[in-house]
Amino acid sequence: MLKKILSISGRPGLYKLVSYGKNMLLVEGITDGHRFPVHSRERVMSLGDISIFTTGEDLPLSQVLENVGKKFENKAIDAKAYTAPEKLHEFMDNVLENWDADRVHNSDIKKIIAWYNALIGAGITDFTTKEEEENAEEAPEQPTEENKD
């Protein structure tokens, strides 16, 4: 789902990819439904391609948003409550225990909160990608105590 949700540098909010051509994309605002072209010279980032630094391997944004959704029961977050750096770090500690505080900036945490609120406002509560779902289905079954040979 997040592969078709885009963040465009210099433009507020999130956008859904509608179509693409040779040198441009056609996008639609997820909150207002306004469609407009985005040219190839603009910086466009798919939310499905973003990951968050952790002390181990980087974690896809989809999993971070899933954790936020579980923590806040898929309801909007009061972003004004998370303006102080201490509150932002507390938020990340509650959502992702092994996040890398040295490499994840306060502005990144604010973006996570803003993007989460925009997605929830648009009625998007399933943050997993189809690839992740397919990988989960293809994963071999782990042996249990009962069926170990």
N, C-alpha and C. Protein backbone atom coordinates (compact mmCIF):
# COMPACT_ATOMS: atom_id res chain seq x y z
N MET A 1 0.82 -1.21 0.00
CA MET A 1 0.00 0.00 0.00
C MET A 1 0.86 1.26 0.00
N LEU A 2 1.92 1.25 0.82
CA LEU A 2 2.73 2.46 0.93
C LEU A 2 3.60 2.74 -0.29
N LYS A 3 3.76 1.78 -1.18
CA LYS A 3 4.56 1.99 -2.40
C LYS A 3 3.94 3.08 -3.28
N LYS A 4 2.62 3.21 -3.27
CA LYS A 4 1.95 4.20 -4.12
C LYS A 4 1.64 5.50 -3.39
N ILE A 5 2.05 5.61 -2.13
CA ILE A 5 1.89 6.85 -1.38
C ILE A 5 3.22 7.59 -1.44
N LEU A 6 3.17 8.84 -1.87
CA LEU A 6 4.38 9.60 -2.13
C LEU A 6 4.49 10.84 -1.26
N SER A 7 5.74 11.19 -0.96
CA SER A 7 6.07 12.45 -0.33
C SER A 7 6.84 13.25 -1.37
N ILE A 8 6.44 14.49 -1.58
CA ILE A 8 7.08 15.33 -2.59
C ILE A 8 7.77 16.48 -1.88
N SER A 9 9.07 16.59 -2.09
CA SER A 9 9.85 17.63 -1.45
C SER A 9 9.32 19.01 -1.84
N GLY A 10 9.12 19.85 -0.83
CA GLY A 10 8.64 21.21 -1.08
C GLY A 10 7.13 21.33 -1.09
N ARG A 11 6.42 20.20 -0.97
CA ARG A 11 4.95 20.22 -0.95
C ARG A 11 4.47 19.54 0.33
N PRO A 12 3.53 20.17 1.02
CA PRO A 12 3.03 19.56 2.26
C PRO A 12 2.10 18.39 1.97
N GLY A 13 2.03 17.47 2.88
CA GLY A 13 1.09 16.35 2.77
C GLY A 13 1.64 15.16 2.01
N LEU A 14 0.76 14.21 1.78
CA LEU A 14 1.09 12.99 1.06
C LEU A 14 0.22 12.87 -0.18
N TYR A 15 0.70 12.12 -1.15
CA TYR A 15 0.02 12.01 -2.43
C TYR A 15 -0.03 10.57 -2.89
N LYS A 16 -1.09 10.24 -3.59
CA LYS A 16 -1.26 8.89 -4.13
C LYS A 16 -0.89 8.92 -5.61
N LEU A 17 -0.09 7.96 -6.03
CA LEU A 17 0.30 7.85 -7.43
C LEU A 17 -0.91 7.37 -8.23
N VAL A 18 -1.30 8.14 -9.24
CA VAL A 18 -2.44 7.79 -10.08
C VAL A 18 -1.95 7.17 -11.38
N SER A 19 -0.96 7.82 -12.00
CA SER A 19 -0.44 7.36 -13.28
C SER A 19 0.94 7.98 -13.47
N TYR A 20 1.66 7.46 -14.45
CA TYR A 20 2.96 8.04 -14.75
C TYR A 20 3.20 8.02 -16.25
N GLY A 21 3.96 9.00 -16.68
CA GLY A 21 4.31 9.12 -18.09
C GLY A 21 5.81 9.17 -18.25
N LYS A 22 6.25 9.69 -19.40
CA LYS A 22 7.68 9.69 -19.71
C LYS A 22 8.48 10.58 -18.75
N ASN A 23 8.06 11.79 -18.53
CA ASN A 23 8.80 12.72 -17.69
C ASN A 23 8.00 13.28 -16.53
N MET A 24 6.92 12.61 -16.17
CA MET A 24 6.10 13.14 -15.09
C MET A 24 5.24 12.06 -14.45
N LEU A 25 4.75 12.38 -13.28
CA LEU A 25 3.81 11.53 -12.56
C LEU A 25 2.51 12.30 -12.41
N LEU A 26 1.41 11.60 -12.38
CA LEU A 26 0.13 12.21 -12.05
C LEU A 26 -0.21 11.74 -10.64
N VAL A 27 -0.33 12.69 -9.73
CA VAL A 27 -0.59 12.36 -8.33
C VAL A 27 -1.89 13.00 -7.87
N GLU A 28 -2.39 12.47 -6.75
CA GLU A 28 -3.63 12.96 -6.16
C GLU A 28 -3.40 13.12 -4.67
N GLY A 29 -3.75 14.26 -4.12
CA GLY A 29 -3.62 14.49 -2.69
C GLY A 29 -4.51 13.52 -1.92
N ILE A 30 -3.96 12.88 -0.88
CA ILE A 30 -4.78 11.89 -0.17
C ILE A 30 -5.83 12.54 0.72
N THR A 31 -5.65 13.83 1.03
CA THR A 31 -6.64 14.49 1.87
C THR A 31 -7.70 15.23 1.07
N ASP A 32 -7.28 15.87 -0.04
CA ASP A 32 -8.24 16.69 -0.79
C ASP A 32 -8.62 16.12 -2.15
N GLY A 33 -7.91 15.11 -2.65
CA GLY A 33 -8.25 14.50 -3.92
C GLY A 33 -7.86 15.34 -5.14
N HIS A 34 -7.15 16.44 -4.92
CA HIS A 34 -6.72 17.31 -6.02
C HIS A 34 -5.63 16.61 -6.82
N ARG A 35 -5.80 16.52 -8.14
CA ARG A 35 -4.82 15.88 -9.02
C ARG A 35 -3.97 16.93 -9.72
N PHE A 36 -2.68 16.61 -9.87
CA PHE A 36 -1.78 17.50 -10.58
C PHE A 36 -0.55 16.72 -11.02
N PRO A 37 0.17 17.23 -12.04
CA PRO A 37 1.37 16.54 -12.51
C PRO A 37 2.58 16.91 -11.65
N VAL A 38 3.48 15.96 -11.51
CA VAL A 38 4.76 16.18 -10.83
C VAL A 38 5.84 15.84 -11.84
N HIS A 39 6.70 16.78 -12.13
CA HIS A 39 7.71 16.59 -13.15
C HIS A 39 8.93 15.85 -12.60
N SER A 40 9.70 15.28 -13.47
CA SER A 40 10.83 14.44 -13.10
C SER A 40 11.91 15.19 -12.33
N ARG A 41 11.96 16.49 -12.40
CA ARG A 41 12.99 17.25 -11.70
C ARG A 41 12.67 17.42 -10.21
N GLU A 42 11.44 17.13 -9.80
CA GLU A 42 11.06 17.25 -8.39
C GLU A 42 11.46 15.99 -7.63
N ARG A 43 11.84 16.16 -6.37
CA ARG A 43 12.22 15.02 -5.53
C ARG A 43 10.97 14.35 -5.00
N VAL A 44 10.79 13.10 -5.39
CA VAL A 44 9.63 12.32 -4.98
C VAL A 44 10.13 11.06 -4.28
N MET A 45 9.54 10.74 -3.13
CA MET A 45 9.94 9.56 -2.37
C MET A 45 8.71 8.74 -2.03
N SER A 46 8.77 7.47 -2.35
CA SER A 46 7.69 6.55 -1.98
C SER A 46 7.85 6.17 -0.52
N LEU A 47 6.76 6.17 0.24
CA LEU A 47 6.84 5.80 1.65
C LEU A 47 7.28 4.34 1.81
N GLY A 48 7.02 3.54 0.80
CA GLY A 48 7.44 2.13 0.85
C GLY A 48 8.93 1.96 0.75
N ASP A 49 9.65 2.98 0.31
CA ASP A 49 11.11 2.90 0.17
C ASP A 49 11.86 3.48 1.36
N ILE A 50 11.15 4.00 2.33
CA ILE A 50 11.77 4.66 3.48
C ILE A 50 11.94 3.65 4.61
N SER A 51 13.08 3.74 5.28
CA SER A 51 13.30 2.90 6.45
C SER A 51 13.85 3.76 7.58
N ILE A 52 13.76 3.24 8.79
CA ILE A 52 14.18 3.96 9.99
C ILE A 52 15.42 3.28 10.54
N PHE A 53 16.40 4.07 10.95
CA PHE A 53 17.62 3.52 11.53
C PHE A 53 17.34 2.89 12.89
N THR A 54 17.86 1.71 13.10
CA THR A 54 17.79 1.06 14.41
C THR A 54 19.19 0.63 14.79
N THR A 55 19.35 0.11 15.99
CA THR A 55 20.66 -0.36 16.43
C THR A 55 21.03 -1.66 15.72
N GLY A 56 20.06 -2.33 15.13
CA GLY A 56 20.30 -3.53 14.33
C GLY A 56 20.15 -3.16 12.86
N GLU A 57 19.33 -3.94 12.15
CA GLU A 57 19.05 -3.63 10.75
C GLU A 57 17.99 -2.54 10.66
N ASP A 58 18.04 -1.77 9.58
CA ASP A 58 17.04 -0.72 9.38
C ASP A 58 15.66 -1.34 9.27
N LEU A 59 14.66 -0.64 9.78
CA LEU A 59 13.29 -1.13 9.80
C LEU A 59 12.45 -0.36 8.79
N PRO A 60 11.69 -1.04 7.93
CA PRO A 60 10.85 -0.32 6.96
C PRO A 60 9.83 0.57 7.67
N LEU A 61 9.52 1.70 7.04
CA LEU A 61 8.55 2.63 7.60
C LEU A 61 7.21 1.96 7.84
N SER A 62 6.85 1.01 6.99
CA SER A 62 5.56 0.32 7.15
C SER A 62 5.46 -0.36 8.51
N GLN A 63 6.54 -0.97 8.96
CA GLN A 63 6.51 -1.64 10.27
C GLN A 63 6.45 -0.63 11.40
N VAL A 64 7.14 0.50 11.24
CA VAL A 64 7.10 1.55 12.25
C VAL A 64 5.67 2.10 12.35
N LEU A 65 5.03 2.34 11.20
CA LEU A 65 3.65 2.84 11.20
C LEU A 65 2.69 1.80 11.79
N GLU A 66 2.94 0.52 11.55
CA GLU A 66 2.13 -0.54 12.17
C GLU A 66 2.24 -0.46 13.68
N ASN A 67 3.47 -0.27 14.18
CA ASN A 67 3.67 -0.16 15.63
C ASN A 67 2.95 1.07 16.19
N VAL A 68 3.02 2.18 15.47
CA VAL A 68 2.32 3.40 15.91
C VAL A 68 0.82 3.14 15.94
N GLY A 69 0.30 2.47 14.90
CA GLY A 69 -1.12 2.16 14.84
C GLY A 69 -1.58 1.29 16.00
N LYS A 70 -0.76 0.31 16.36
CA LYS A 70 -1.10 -0.55 17.49
C LYS A 70 -1.08 0.24 18.79
N LYS A 71 -0.07 1.08 18.95
CA LYS A 71 0.07 1.86 20.18
C LYS A 71 -1.07 2.86 20.35
N PHE A 72 -1.51 3.49 19.26
CA PHE A 72 -2.54 4.52 19.33
C PHE A 72 -3.88 4.05 18.79
N GLU A 73 -4.05 2.73 18.64
CA GLU A 73 -5.31 2.10 18.21
C GLU A 73 -5.84 2.69 16.91
N ASN A 74 -4.95 2.96 15.95
CA ASN A 74 -5.31 3.51 14.64
C ASN A 74 -6.12 4.79 14.74
N LYS A 75 -5.80 5.60 15.72
CA LYS A 75 -6.43 6.91 15.88
C LYS A 75 -5.36 7.98 15.71
N ALA A 76 -5.79 9.17 15.32
CA ALA A 76 -4.85 10.27 15.09
C ALA A 76 -4.12 10.63 16.39
N ILE A 77 -2.90 11.12 16.21
CA ILE A 77 -2.05 11.53 17.33
C ILE A 77 -2.10 13.05 17.43
N ASP A 78 -2.12 13.56 18.66
CA ASP A 78 -2.03 15.01 18.87
C ASP A 78 -0.58 15.42 18.67
N ALA A 79 -0.25 15.93 17.49
CA ALA A 79 1.13 16.27 17.15
C ALA A 79 1.67 17.39 18.03
N LYS A 80 0.80 18.24 18.54
CA LYS A 80 1.24 19.34 19.39
C LYS A 80 1.80 18.84 20.72
N ALA A 81 1.41 17.64 21.12
CA ALA A 81 1.92 17.06 22.36
C ALA A 81 3.36 16.57 22.21
N TYR A 82 3.82 16.48 20.95
CA TYR A 82 5.16 15.96 20.67
C TYR A 82 6.00 17.00 19.95
N THR A 83 6.22 18.14 20.60
CA THR A 83 7.05 19.18 20.00
C THR A 83 8.42 19.25 20.66
N ALA A 84 8.49 18.96 21.94
CA ALA A 84 9.76 19.01 22.66
C ALA A 84 10.60 17.77 22.31
N PRO A 85 11.90 17.93 22.21
CA PRO A 85 12.76 16.79 21.88
C PRO A 85 12.59 15.60 22.83
N GLU A 86 12.39 15.89 24.12
CA GLU A 86 12.22 14.80 25.09
C GLU A 86 10.96 14.00 24.79
N LYS A 87 9.89 14.70 24.42
CA LYS A 87 8.62 14.04 24.10
C LYS A 87 8.75 13.22 22.81
N LEU A 88 9.49 13.74 21.83
CA LEU A 88 9.69 13.01 20.58
C LEU A 88 10.47 11.72 20.84
N HIS A 89 11.49 11.80 21.68
CA HIS A 89 12.27 10.61 22.01
C HIS A 89 11.44 9.61 22.81
N GLU A 90 10.61 10.11 23.69
CA GLU A 90 9.71 9.25 24.46
C GLU A 90 8.73 8.54 23.52
N PHE A 91 8.22 9.26 22.54
CA PHE A 91 7.33 8.68 21.53
C PHE A 91 8.02 7.53 20.81
N MET A 92 9.25 7.76 20.34
CA MET A 92 9.98 6.71 19.63
C MET A 92 10.31 5.53 20.53
N ASP A 93 10.64 5.80 21.79
CA ASP A 93 10.91 4.71 22.74
C ASP A 93 9.69 3.81 22.90
N ASN A 94 8.50 4.41 22.92
CA ASN A 94 7.26 3.65 23.07
C ASN A 94 6.89 2.87 21.81
N VAL A 95 7.28 3.39 20.65
CA VAL A 95 6.89 2.79 19.38
C VAL A 95 7.93 1.79 18.88
N LEU A 96 9.19 2.12 19.08
CA LEU A 96 10.28 1.30 18.53
C LEU A 96 11.41 1.29 19.55
N GLU A 97 11.56 0.18 20.22
CA GLU A 97 12.51 0.14 21.34
C GLU A 97 13.98 0.22 20.92
N ASN A 98 14.34 -0.24 19.74
CA ASN A 98 15.74 -0.26 19.35
C ASN A 98 16.09 0.78 18.28
N TRP A 99 15.39 1.90 18.25
CA TRP A 99 15.68 2.95 17.26
C TRP A 99 17.01 3.61 17.61
N ASP A 100 17.70 4.11 16.61
CA ASP A 100 19.01 4.71 16.78
C ASP A 100 18.85 6.22 16.99
N ALA A 101 18.96 6.65 18.23
CA ALA A 101 18.74 8.05 18.59
C ALA A 101 19.81 8.97 17.99
N ASP A 102 20.96 8.43 17.63
CA ASP A 102 22.01 9.27 17.04
C ASP A 102 21.75 9.59 15.58
N ARG A 103 21.08 8.68 14.87
CA ARG A 103 20.88 8.87 13.43
C ARG A 103 19.45 9.27 13.06
N VAL A 104 18.49 9.08 13.95
CA VAL A 104 17.11 9.50 13.69
C VAL A 104 16.93 10.89 14.32
N HIS A 105 16.70 11.88 13.48
CA HIS A 105 16.58 13.26 13.95
C HIS A 105 15.16 13.56 14.41
N ASN A 106 15.04 14.63 15.18
CA ASN A 106 13.72 15.06 15.66
C ASN A 106 12.78 15.35 14.49
N SER A 107 13.31 15.93 13.42
CA SER A 107 12.48 16.23 12.25
C SER A 107 11.95 14.94 11.61
N ASP A 108 12.73 13.86 11.67
CA ASP A 108 12.27 12.57 11.14
C ASP A 108 11.10 12.05 11.95
N ILE A 109 11.18 12.19 13.27
CA ILE A 109 10.10 11.73 14.15
C ILE A 109 8.83 12.54 13.90
N LYS A 110 9.00 13.85 13.70
CA LYS A 110 7.85 14.71 13.40
C LYS A 110 7.20 14.29 12.09
N LYS A 111 8.02 13.91 11.09
CA LYS A 111 7.47 13.45 9.81
C LYS A 111 6.69 12.15 9.99
N ILE A 112 7.21 11.25 10.81
CA ILE A 112 6.49 9.99 11.06
C ILE A 112 5.12 10.28 11.64
N ILE A 113 5.06 11.18 12.61
CA ILE A 113 3.79 11.53 13.24
C ILE A 113 2.86 12.19 12.22
N ALA A 114 3.39 13.13 11.44
CA ALA A 114 2.56 13.83 10.44
C ALA A 114 2.06 12.86 9.37
N TRP A 115 2.93 11.99 8.88
CA TRP A 115 2.53 11.02 7.86
C TRP A 115 1.50 10.04 8.41
N TYR A 116 1.71 9.59 9.63
CA TYR A 116 0.74 8.69 10.26
C TYR A 116 -0.63 9.36 10.35
N ASN A 117 -0.66 10.60 10.81
CA ASN A 117 -1.93 11.33 10.92
C ASN A 117 -2.59 11.53 9.56
N ALA A 118 -1.79 11.82 8.54
CA ALA A 118 -2.35 12.01 7.19
C ALA A 118 -2.94 10.70 6.67
N LEU A 119 -2.24 9.60 6.89
CA LEU A 119 -2.74 8.30 6.43
C LEU A 119 -4.01 7.89 7.17
N ILE A 120 -4.02 8.10 8.47
CA ILE A 120 -5.22 7.78 9.27
C ILE A 120 -6.38 8.67 8.83
N GLY A 121 -6.10 9.95 8.58
CA GLY A 121 -7.13 10.88 8.12
C GLY A 121 -7.72 10.48 6.78
N ALA A 122 -6.91 9.82 5.95
CA ALA A 122 -7.38 9.37 4.64
C ALA A 122 -8.02 7.98 4.71
N GLY A 123 -8.09 7.42 5.91
CA GLY A 123 -8.72 6.11 6.08
C GLY A 123 -7.80 4.94 5.79
N ILE A 124 -6.51 5.18 5.70
CA ILE A 124 -5.54 4.11 5.45
C ILE A 124 -5.01 3.63 6.79
N THR A 125 -5.34 2.40 7.14
CA THR A 125 -4.87 1.84 8.41
C THR A 125 -4.04 0.58 8.21
N ASP A 126 -3.98 0.07 6.99
CA ASP A 126 -3.16 -1.09 6.69
C ASP A 126 -1.87 -0.59 6.05
N PHE A 127 -0.78 -0.66 6.80
CA PHE A 127 0.48 -0.09 6.34
C PHE A 127 1.42 -1.12 5.73
N THR A 128 1.06 -2.39 5.75
CA THR A 128 1.93 -3.41 5.20
C THR A 128 1.89 -3.37 3.68
N THR A 129 2.99 -3.73 3.08
CA THR A 129 3.05 -3.78 1.62
C THR A 129 2.72 -5.18 1.16
N LYS A 130 2.29 -5.31 -0.07
CA LYS A 130 1.95 -6.62 -0.61
C LYS A 130 3.17 -7.53 -0.62
N GLU A 131 4.36 -6.98 -0.87
CA GLU A 131 5.58 -7.77 -0.87
C GLU A 131 5.82 -8.38 0.51
N GLU A 132 5.60 -7.59 1.57
CA GLU A 132 5.78 -8.10 2.92
C GLU A 132 4.79 -9.22 3.20
N GLU A 133 3.54 -9.04 2.75
CA GLU A 133 2.53 -10.07 2.96
C GLU A 133 2.90 -11.34 2.21
N GLU A 134 3.41 -11.21 0.97
CA GLU A 134 3.81 -12.38 0.19
C GLU A 134 4.99 -13.07 0.84
N ASN A 135 5.96 -12.30 1.35
CA ASN A 135 7.11 -12.89 2.01
C ASN A 135 6.69 -13.64 3.27
N ALA A 136 5.72 -13.11 3.99
CA ALA A 136 5.23 -13.78 5.20
C ALA A 136 4.56 -15.10 4.83
N GLU A 137 3.83 -15.13 3.71
CA GLU A 137 3.17 -16.35 3.29
C GLU A 137 4.17 -17.38 2.79
N GLU A 138 5.26 -16.94 2.15
CA GLU A 138 6.26 -17.85 1.61
C GLU A 138 7.24 -18.35 2.65
N ALA A 139 7.29 -17.72 3.80
CA ALA A 139 8.25 -18.11 4.82
C ALA A 139 7.99 -19.55 5.26
N PRO A 140 9.05 -20.35 5.37
CA PRO A 140 8.85 -21.74 5.78
C PRO A 140 8.36 -21.80 7.22
N GLU A 141 7.56 -22.78 7.47
CA GLU A 141 7.01 -22.95 8.80
C GLU A 141 8.11 -23.39 9.75
N GLN A 142 8.18 -22.74 10.89
CA GLN A 142 9.18 -23.08 11.88
C GLN A 142 8.74 -24.33 12.63
N PRO A 143 9.67 -25.27 12.87
CA PRO A 143 9.29 -26.48 13.58
C PRO A 143 8.91 -26.16 15.02
N THR A 144 7.91 -26.83 15.51
CA THR A 144 7.50 -26.68 16.89
C THR A 144 8.01 -27.88 17.67
N GLU A 145 7.81 -27.86 18.95
CA GLU A 145 8.26 -28.98 19.79
C GLU A 145 7.60 -30.29 19.37
N GLU A 146 6.35 -30.18 18.90
CA GLU A 146 5.59 -31.38 18.57
C GLU A 146 6.07 -32.05 17.30
N ASN A 147 6.50 -31.26 16.28
CA ASN A 147 6.84 -31.87 15.01
C ASN A 147 8.34 -31.85 14.71
N LYS A 148 9.17 -31.69 15.71
CA LYS A 148 10.62 -31.77 15.50
C LYS A 148 11.01 -33.23 15.31
N ASP A 149 11.93 -33.48 14.39
CA ASP A 149 12.36 -34.87 14.17
C ASP A 149 13.62 -35.16 14.93
